[in-house]
C-alpha atoms as a PDB file:
ATOM      1  CA  MET A   1      14.780  -5.294   4.667  1.00  0.00           C
ATOM      2  CA  LEU A   2      12.381  -6.923   7.121  1.00  0.00           C
ATOM      3  CA  ASN A   3      10.913  -3.301   7.777  1.00  0.00           C
ATOM      4  CA  GLY A   4      10.044  -2.929   4.466  1.00  0.00           C
ATOM      5  CA  PHE A   5       8.376  -6.259   4.021  1.00  0.00           C
ATOM      6  CA  LYS A   6       6.413  -5.596   7.251  1.00  0.00           C
ATOM      7  CA  ASP A   7       5.191  -2.121   5.533  1.00  0.00           C
ATOM      8  CA  PHE A   8       4.151  -4.075   2.551  1.00  0.00           C
ATOM      9  CA  ILE A   9       2.148  -6.773   4.166  1.00  0.00           C
ATOM     10  CA  LEU A  10       0.525  -4.114   6.471  1.00  0.00           C
ATOM     11  CA  ARG A  11      -0.421  -1.978   3.795  1.00  0.00           C
ATOM     12  CA  GLY A  12      -4.225  -1.581   3.454  1.00  0.00           C
ATOM     13  CA  ASN A  13      -4.737  -2.521   0.113  1.00  0.00           C
ATOM     14  CA  VAL A  14      -2.658  -5.717   0.344  1.00  0.00           C
ATOM     15  CA  ILE A  15      -4.545  -6.642   3.334  1.00  0.00           C
ATOM     16  CA  SER A  16      -8.091  -6.104   1.693  1.00  0.00           C
ATOM     17  CA  MET A  17      -7.181  -8.204  -1.669  1.00  0.00           C
ATOM     18  CA  ALA A  18      -6.051 -11.196   0.752  1.00  0.00           C
ATOM     19  CA  ILE A  19      -9.028 -11.064   2.593  1.00  0.00           C
ATOM     20  CA  GLY A  20     -11.276 -11.071  -0.246  1.00  0.00           C
ATOM     21  CA  LEU A  21      -9.701 -13.768  -2.254  1.00  0.00           C
ATOM     22  CA  ALA A  22      -8.448 -16.200   0.562  1.00  0.00           C
ATOM     23  CA  VAL A  23     -10.421 -15.949   3.434  1.00  0.00           C
ATOM     24  CA  GLY A  24     -13.661 -14.612   1.837  1.00  0.00           C
ATOM     25  CA  ALA A  25     -13.576 -17.996  -0.435  1.00  0.00           C
ATOM     26  CA  ALA A  26     -13.098 -20.250   2.657  1.00  0.00           C
ATOM     27  CA  PHE A  27     -15.936 -18.595   4.740  1.00  0.00           C
ATOM     28  CA  THR A  28     -18.306 -18.303   1.870  1.00  0.00           C
ATOM     29  CA  ALA A  29     -18.672 -22.215   1.627  1.00  0.00           C
ATOM     30  CA  VAL A  30     -19.007 -22.393   5.344  1.00  0.00           C
ATOM     31  CA  VAL A  31     -21.821 -19.470   5.671  1.00  0.00           C
ATOM     32  CA  THR A  32     -23.721 -20.826   2.945  1.00  0.00           C
ATOM     33  CA  GLY A  33     -23.582 -24.293   4.710  1.00  0.00           C
ATOM     34  CA  PHE A  34     -24.784 -22.607   7.752  1.00  0.00           C
ATOM     35  CA  SER A  35     -27.265 -20.377   5.837  1.00  0.00           C
ATOM     36  CA  THR A  36     -28.866 -23.525   4.200  1.00  0.00           C
ATOM     37  CA  ALA A  37     -28.666 -25.767   7.324  1.00  0.00           C
ATOM     38  CA  PHE A  38     -30.091 -23.088   9.862  1.00  0.00           C
ATOM     39  CA  ILE A  39     -31.464 -20.029   8.707  1.00  0.00           C
ATOM     40  CA  THR A  40     -33.183 -20.812   5.868  1.00  0.00           C
ATOM     41  CA  PRO A  41     -35.437 -23.474   7.580  1.00  0.00           C
ATOM     42  CA  LEU A  42     -36.248 -20.846  10.205  1.00  0.00           C
ATOM     43  CA  ILE A  43     -37.137 -18.508   7.815  1.00  0.00           C
ATOM     44  CA  GLY A  44     -39.313 -21.080   6.406  1.00  0.00           C
ATOM     45  CA  LEU A  45     -40.980 -21.936   9.648  1.00  0.00           C
ATOM     46  CA  ALA A  46     -41.673 -18.145  10.265  1.00  0.00           C
ATOM     47  CA  THR A  47     -43.231 -17.620   6.891  1.00  0.00           C
ATOM     48  CA  GLY A  48     -45.053 -20.795   6.782  1.00  0.00           C
ATOM     49  CA  SER A  49     -43.104 -22.397   3.988  1.00  0.00           C
ATOM     50  CA  VAL A  50     -42.230 -26.008   5.105  1.00  0.00           C
ATOM     51  CA  GLY A  51     -38.876 -27.335   4.256  1.00  0.00           C
ATOM     52  CA  ASP A  52     -36.440 -25.746   1.868  1.00  0.00           C
ATOM     53  CA  PHE A  53     -36.982 -22.133   1.747  1.00  0.00           C
ATOM     54  CA  SER A  54     -34.647 -21.776  -1.255  1.00  0.00           C
ATOM     55  CA  SER A  55     -37.135 -23.668  -3.428  1.00  0.00           C
ATOM     56  CA  ALA A  56     -39.881 -21.095  -2.596  1.00  0.00           C
ATOM     57  CA  GLU A  57     -41.174 -19.040  -5.871  1.00  0.00           C
ATOM     58  CA  PHE A  58     -43.931 -17.158  -7.102  1.00  0.00           C
ATOM     59  CA  ALA A  59     -45.415 -17.330 -10.908  1.00  0.00           C
ATOM     60  CA  VAL A  60     -46.819 -14.335 -12.946  1.00  0.00           C
ATOM     61  CA  GLU A  61     -48.338 -15.261 -16.147  1.00  0.00           C
ATOM     62  CA  GLY A  62     -46.191 -18.473 -16.592  1.00  0.00           C
ATOM     63  CA  THR A  63     -42.899 -17.021 -15.451  1.00  0.00           C
ATOM     64  CA  ILE A  64     -41.589 -18.362 -12.662  1.00  0.00           C
ATOM     65  CA  PHE A  65     -39.645 -16.065  -9.966  1.00  0.00           C
ATOM     66  CA  PRO A  66     -37.342 -18.231  -7.637  1.00  0.00           C
ATOM     67  CA  TYR A  67     -37.323 -15.148  -4.630  1.00  0.00           C
ATOM     68  CA  GLY A  68     -36.058 -17.974  -2.211  1.00  0.00           C
ATOM     69  CA  LYS A  69     -32.839 -18.652  -4.002  1.00  0.00           C
ATOM     70  CA  PHE A  70     -32.383 -14.818  -4.039  1.00  0.00           C
ATOM     71  CA  LEU A  71     -33.154 -14.642  -0.240  1.00  0.00           C
ATOM     72  CA  ALA A  72     -30.726 -17.509   0.897  1.00  0.00           C
ATOM     73  CA  ALA A  73     -27.964 -15.809  -1.105  1.00  0.00           C
ATOM     74  CA  ALA A  74     -28.514 -12.457   0.650  1.00  0.00           C
ATOM     75  CA  ILE A  75     -28.557 -14.126   3.968  1.00  0.00           C
ATOM     76  CA  ALA A  76     -25.250 -15.759   3.067  1.00  0.00           C
ATOM     77  CA  PHE A  77     -23.582 -12.326   1.784  1.00  0.00           C
ATOM     78  CA  LEU A  78     -24.714 -10.503   4.862  1.00  0.00           C
ATOM     79  CA  ILE A  79     -23.395 -13.405   7.194  1.00  0.00           C
ATOM     80  CA  THR A  80     -20.339 -13.483   5.494  1.00  0.00           C
ATOM     81  CA  ALA A  81     -19.691  -9.789   5.439  1.00  0.00           C
ATOM     82  CA  ALA A  82     -20.414  -9.834   9.247  1.00  0.00           C
ATOM     83  CA  VAL A  83     -18.016 -12.764  10.001  1.00  0.00           C
ATOM     84  CA  LEU A  84     -15.303 -11.168   7.859  1.00  0.00           C
ATOM     85  CA  TYR A  85     -15.569  -7.740   9.312  1.00  0.00           C
ATOM     86  CA  PHE A  86     -15.699  -8.767  12.803  1.00  0.00           C
ATOM     87  CA  CYS A  87     -13.362 -11.782  12.515  1.00  0.00           C
ATOM     88  CA  VAL A  88     -10.576 -10.198  10.222  1.00  0.00           C
ATOM     89  CA  VAL A  89     -10.903  -6.358   9.551  1.00  0.00           C
ATOM     90  CA  VAL A  90     -11.456  -5.032  13.040  1.00  0.00           C
ATOM     91  CA  PRO A  91      -8.532  -7.302  14.297  1.00  0.00           C
ATOM     92  CA  MET A  92      -6.151  -6.243  11.481  1.00  0.00           C
ATOM     93  CA  ALA A  93      -7.267  -2.532  11.960  1.00  0.00           C
ATOM     94  CA  LYS A  94      -5.991  -3.050  15.656  1.00  0.00           C
ATOM     95  CA  VAL A  95      -2.706  -4.538  14.420  1.00  0.00           C
ATOM     96  CA  GLN A  96      -2.081  -1.682  12.068  1.00  0.00           C
ATOM     97  CA  ALA A  97      -2.856   0.798  14.702  1.00  0.00           C
ATOM     98  CA  ARG A  98      -0.328  -0.783  17.131  1.00  0.00           C
ATOM     99  CA  PHE A  99       2.399  -0.790  14.505  1.00  0.00           C
ATOM    100  CA  ALA A 100       1.620   2.758  13.105  1.00  0.00           C
ATOM    101  CA  LYS A 101       4.554   4.970  13.520  1.00  0.00           C
ATOM    102  CA  ALA A 102       4.066   8.097  15.429  1.00  0.00           C
ATOM    103  CA  GLU A 103       4.224  11.438  13.427  1.00  0.00           C
ATOM    104  CA  LYS A 104       6.944  13.903  14.730  1.00  0.00           C
ATOM    105  CA  LEU A 105       5.542  16.755  16.681  1.00  0.00           C
ATOM    106  CA  ASP A 106       6.290  19.945  14.906  1.00  0.00           C
ATOM    107  CA  ILE A 107       6.544  22.882  18.071  1.00  0.00           C
ATOM    108  CA  LYS A 108       6.393  25.504  15.346  1.00  0.00           C
ATOM    109  CA  ALA A 109       3.128  24.522  13.788  1.00  0.00           C
ATOM    110  CA  ALA A 110       0.763  26.061  16.569  1.00  0.00           C
ATOM    111  CA  THR A 111       0.743  29.816  15.931  1.00  0.00           C
ATOM    112  CA  ARG A 112      -0.649  33.036  17.682  1.00  0.00           C
ATOM    113  CA  ASP A 113      -0.587  36.646  16.954  1.00  0.00           C
ATOM    114  CA  CYS A 114       1.621  38.888  18.831  1.00  0.00           C
ATOM    115  CA  PRO A 115      -0.367  41.010  20.953  1.00  0.00           C
ATOM    116  CA  ARG A 116       1.636  44.076  20.224  1.00  0.00           C
ATOM    117  CA  CYS A 117       2.286  43.958  16.342  1.00  0.00           C
ATOM    118  CA  TYR A 118      -0.388  41.204  15.416  1.00  0.00           C
ATOM    119  CA  THR A 119       2.183  39.403  13.395  1.00  0.00           C
ATOM    120  CA  GLU A 120       1.737  35.511  13.510  1.00  0.00           C
ATOM    121  CA  ILE A 121       4.706  33.830  15.594  1.00  0.00           C
ATOM    122  CA  PRO A 122       5.132  30.187  16.966  1.00  0.00           C
ATOM    123  CA  ALA A 123       2.683  29.647  20.062  1.00  0.00           C
ATOM    124  CA  ILE A 124       5.936  28.630  21.981  1.00  0.00           C
ATOM    125  CA  ALA A 125       7.559  31.848  21.221  1.00  0.00           C
ATOM    126  CA  SER A 126       8.693  34.028  24.397  1.00  0.00           C
ATOM    127  CA  ARG A 127       9.909  36.913  22.069  1.00  0.00           C
ATOM    128  CA  CYS A 128       8.155  38.362  18.954  1.00  0.00           C
ATOM    129  CA  ALA A 129      10.562  37.955  15.967  1.00  0.00           C
ATOM    130  CA  HIS A 130       9.132  41.025  14.340  1.00  0.00           C
ATOM    131  CA  CYS A 131       8.872  43.714  17.024  1.00  0.00           C
ATOM    132  CA  THR A 132      11.045  41.998  19.491  1.00  0.00           C
ATOM    133  CA  SER A 133       8.666  42.405  22.508  1.00  0.00           C
ATOM    134  CA  GLU A 134       8.736  40.040  25.266  1.00  0.00           C
ATOM    135  CA  ILE A 135       5.583  37.786  25.644  1.00  0.00           C
ATOM    136  CA  LYS A 136       4.274  34.899  27.615  1.00  0.00           C
ATOM    137  CA  PRO A 137       4.637  31.510  25.674  1.00  0.00           C
ATOM    138  CA  ASP A 138       1.059  29.622  25.542  1.00  0.00           C
ATOM    139  CA  PRO A 139       1.160  26.949  28.095  1.00  0.00           C
ATOM    140  CA  ALA A 140      -0.661  24.524  26.622  1.00  0.00           C
ATOM    141  CA  ALA A 141       1.733  24.810  23.430  1.00  0.00           C
ATOM    142  CA  LEU A 142       4.861  24.379  25.876  1.00  0.00           C
ATOM    143  CA  GLU A 143       3.011  21.507  27.662  1.00  0.00           C
ATOM    144  CA  VAL A 144       2.565  19.789  24.096  1.00  0.00           C
ATOM    145  CA  ALA A 145       6.157  20.536  23.070  1.00  0.00           C
ATOM    146  CA  GLY A 146       7.348  19.010  26.501  1.00  0.00           C
ATOM    147  CA  LEU A 147       9.121  22.242  27.413  1.00  0.00           C
ATOM    148  CA  PRO A 148       9.143  23.544  30.877  1.00  0.00           C
ATOM    149  CA  ALA A 149       6.796  26.336  31.831  1.00  0.00           C
ATOM    150  CA  GLN A 150       8.291  29.871  32.121  1.00  0.00           C
ATOM    151  CA  ARG A 151       7.532  31.835  35.247  1.00  0.00           C
END
């Protein structure tokens, strides 16, 4: 019962939804505050705009374009995305990789052609099932399968 719950929680779409809703909402407020308090004034100093950079605007034929608000929002978005990625997504991917179940190795999946009759046989085979000739198994396939090398 607990294994099913663990599989449900570690499923990618559930984790993505939880990140998007809970953690994303919490980080957005913090990152917006950081962006407003530190990043926006630094950009204002670099561009020569004194004070609040988010109030920067330009006008064309009487229409006002508040581009500073857009830049402040874009910076907040980039910082939020970076924090979520490096603090939540990357560690969660490592946790999922740790709990991932190893796939069973199919020792018959690796095949090769019989050198005598040219039919497809398993790479670990020591005799062809079609022409019954003795052949040397592929040493690499034996090693992957965990079988002893044949002499």
